Amino acid sequence: MMTYEELVVFLNQHLGYPFLGESSPAAALNAAQNNTLEDPLSAEVLNAIYQGNQCQSVNDPVDRAHSFDGLARLRLRAQADDADPVLFRKVLKLSQELDNAFDQELIRQRQ
């Protein structure tokens, strides 16, 4: 089972844009929760996945369904006809890498 922290580290390594910056997952989440994280998209993603999985700490387990549920509003906004193309591409990449993270976790469990 993957933890919130493990998922966030995976996303940081695979998204292709500065997601955590120089922060640890816990520090970035804290900043996101306090509206002090520089990138509003990263803040929204960090909070949405955390809340979607009903996490109490960065060491809590996360799963694919709850992570995508948490991101539903962001994904709908990014797919709107008047959405910013940059936001659309970032959210599309996020969705792909979120799937990738859980696929990799399944592969690890089966080996």
Protein backbone atom coordinates (compact mmCIF):
# COMPACT_ATOMS: atom_id res chain seq x y z
CA MET A 1 0.00 0.00 0.00
CA MET A 2 1.38 3.39 -1.00
CA THR A 3 1.43 6.28 1.46
CA TYR A 4 0.54 9.88 0.72
CA GLU A 5 4.20 10.83 1.05
CA GLU A 6 5.32 8.10 -1.39
CA LEU A 7 2.70 9.19 -3.93
CA VAL A 8 3.71 12.86 -3.68
CA VAL A 9 7.40 11.98 -4.10
CA PHE A 10 6.53 9.89 -7.17
CA LEU A 11 4.51 12.75 -8.68
CA ASN A 12 7.32 15.20 -7.94
CA GLN A 13 9.75 12.98 -9.86
CA HIS A 14 7.45 12.39 -12.84
CA LEU A 15 5.33 15.48 -13.47
CA GLY A 16 7.99 17.44 -15.33
CA TYR A 17 7.33 20.71 -13.49
CA PRO A 18 8.37 21.84 -10.01
CA PHE A 19 5.73 20.28 -7.81
CA LEU A 20 7.31 20.29 -4.35
CA GLY A 21 10.12 22.73 -5.04
CA GLU A 22 12.74 22.22 -2.36
CA SER A 23 10.18 21.16 0.24
CA SER A 24 9.53 17.77 1.78
CA PRO A 25 6.04 16.36 1.17
CA ALA A 26 5.05 17.23 4.76
CA ALA A 27 6.36 20.81 4.48
CA ALA A 28 4.70 21.32 1.08
CA LEU A 29 1.39 19.97 2.41
CA ASN A 30 1.61 22.24 5.44
CA ALA A 31 2.25 25.23 3.16
CA ALA A 32 -0.64 24.16 0.90
CA GLN A 33 -2.99 23.89 3.86
CA ASN A 34 -1.94 27.36 5.03
CA ASN A 35 -2.17 28.92 1.55
CA THR A 36 1.54 29.78 1.55
CA LEU A 37 2.69 27.43 -1.23
CA GLU A 38 3.93 29.41 -4.24
CA ASP A 39 2.17 27.34 -6.91
CA PRO A 40 -1.63 27.33 -6.47
CA LEU A 41 -2.04 24.26 -8.69
CA SER A 42 0.40 22.23 -6.57
CA ALA A 43 -1.39 23.41 -3.43
CA GLU A 44 -4.76 22.32 -4.82
CA VAL A 45 -3.39 18.90 -5.86
CA LEU A 46 -1.67 18.29 -2.51
CA ASN A 47 -4.81 19.19 -0.57
CA ALA A 48 -7.19 17.33 -2.89
CA ILE A 49 -5.31 14.03 -2.70
CA TYR A 50 -4.86 14.36 1.07
CA GLN A 51 -8.55 15.12 1.64
CA GLY A 52 -9.78 12.62 -0.95
CA ASN A 53 -7.98 9.84 0.91
CA GLN A 54 -9.07 11.21 4.32
CA CYS A 55 -5.45 11.30 5.43
CA GLN A 56 -4.47 12.40 8.93
CA SER A 57 -0.73 12.35 8.20
CA VAL A 58 1.64 11.99 5.23
CA ASN A 59 2.22 8.37 6.30
CA ASP A 60 -1.41 7.37 5.75
CA PRO A 61 -2.26 5.03 2.85
CA VAL A 62 -3.71 6.36 -0.39
CA ASP A 63 -5.46 4.59 -3.24
CA ARG A 64 -6.25 5.30 -6.86
CA ALA A 65 -10.04 5.76 -6.52
CA HIS A 66 -9.89 8.18 -3.58
CA SER A 67 -7.04 10.14 -5.16
CA PHE A 68 -9.00 10.62 -8.39
CA ASP A 69 -12.17 11.42 -6.40
CA GLY A 70 -10.28 14.16 -4.59
CA LEU A 71 -9.11 15.63 -7.88
CA ALA A 72 -12.52 15.49 -9.61
CA ARG A 73 -13.27 19.22 -9.33
CA LEU A 74 -9.84 20.20 -10.66
CA ARG A 75 -10.14 17.73 -13.54
CA LEU A 76 -13.58 19.02 -14.52
CA ARG A 77 -12.34 22.62 -14.41
CA ALA A 78 -9.34 21.74 -16.59
CA GLN A 79 -11.60 20.06 -19.15
CA ALA A 80 -13.98 23.01 -19.50
CA ASP A 81 -14.19 24.63 -22.95
CA ASP A 82 -12.71 27.88 -21.65
CA ALA A 83 -9.92 26.23 -19.61
CA ASP A 84 -6.37 27.46 -19.88
CA PRO A 85 -4.47 25.07 -22.23
CA VAL A 86 -1.48 25.06 -19.84
CA LEU A 87 -3.73 23.98 -16.97
CA PHE A 88 -5.32 21.34 -19.19
CA ARG A 89 -1.89 19.86 -20.08
CA LYS A 90 -0.69 19.90 -16.46
CA VAL A 91 -3.84 18.20 -15.18
CA LEU A 92 -3.74 15.64 -18.01
CA LYS A 93 -0.12 14.83 -17.10
CA LEU A 94 -1.10 14.66 -13.42
CA SER A 95 -3.87 12.15 -14.23
CA GLN A 96 -1.49 10.02 -16.31
CA GLU A 97 1.21 10.01 -13.63
CA LEU A 98 -1.30 9.30 -10.86
CA ASP A 99 -2.37 6.21 -12.79
CA ASN A 100 1.28 5.36 -13.42
CA ALA A 101 2.09 5.59 -9.69
CA PHE A 102 -0.62 3.11 -8.75
CA ASP A 103 0.26 0.82 -11.68
CA GLN A 104 3.88 0.75 -10.49
CA GLU A 105 2.67 -0.04 -6.96
CA LEU A 106 0.60 -2.99 -8.26
CA ILE A 107 3.60 -4.31 -10.19
CA ARG A 108 5.75 -4.08 -7.03
CA GLN A 109 3.15 -5.94 -4.98
CA ARG A 110 2.96 -8.79 -7.50
CA GLN A 111 6.70 -9.39 -7.69
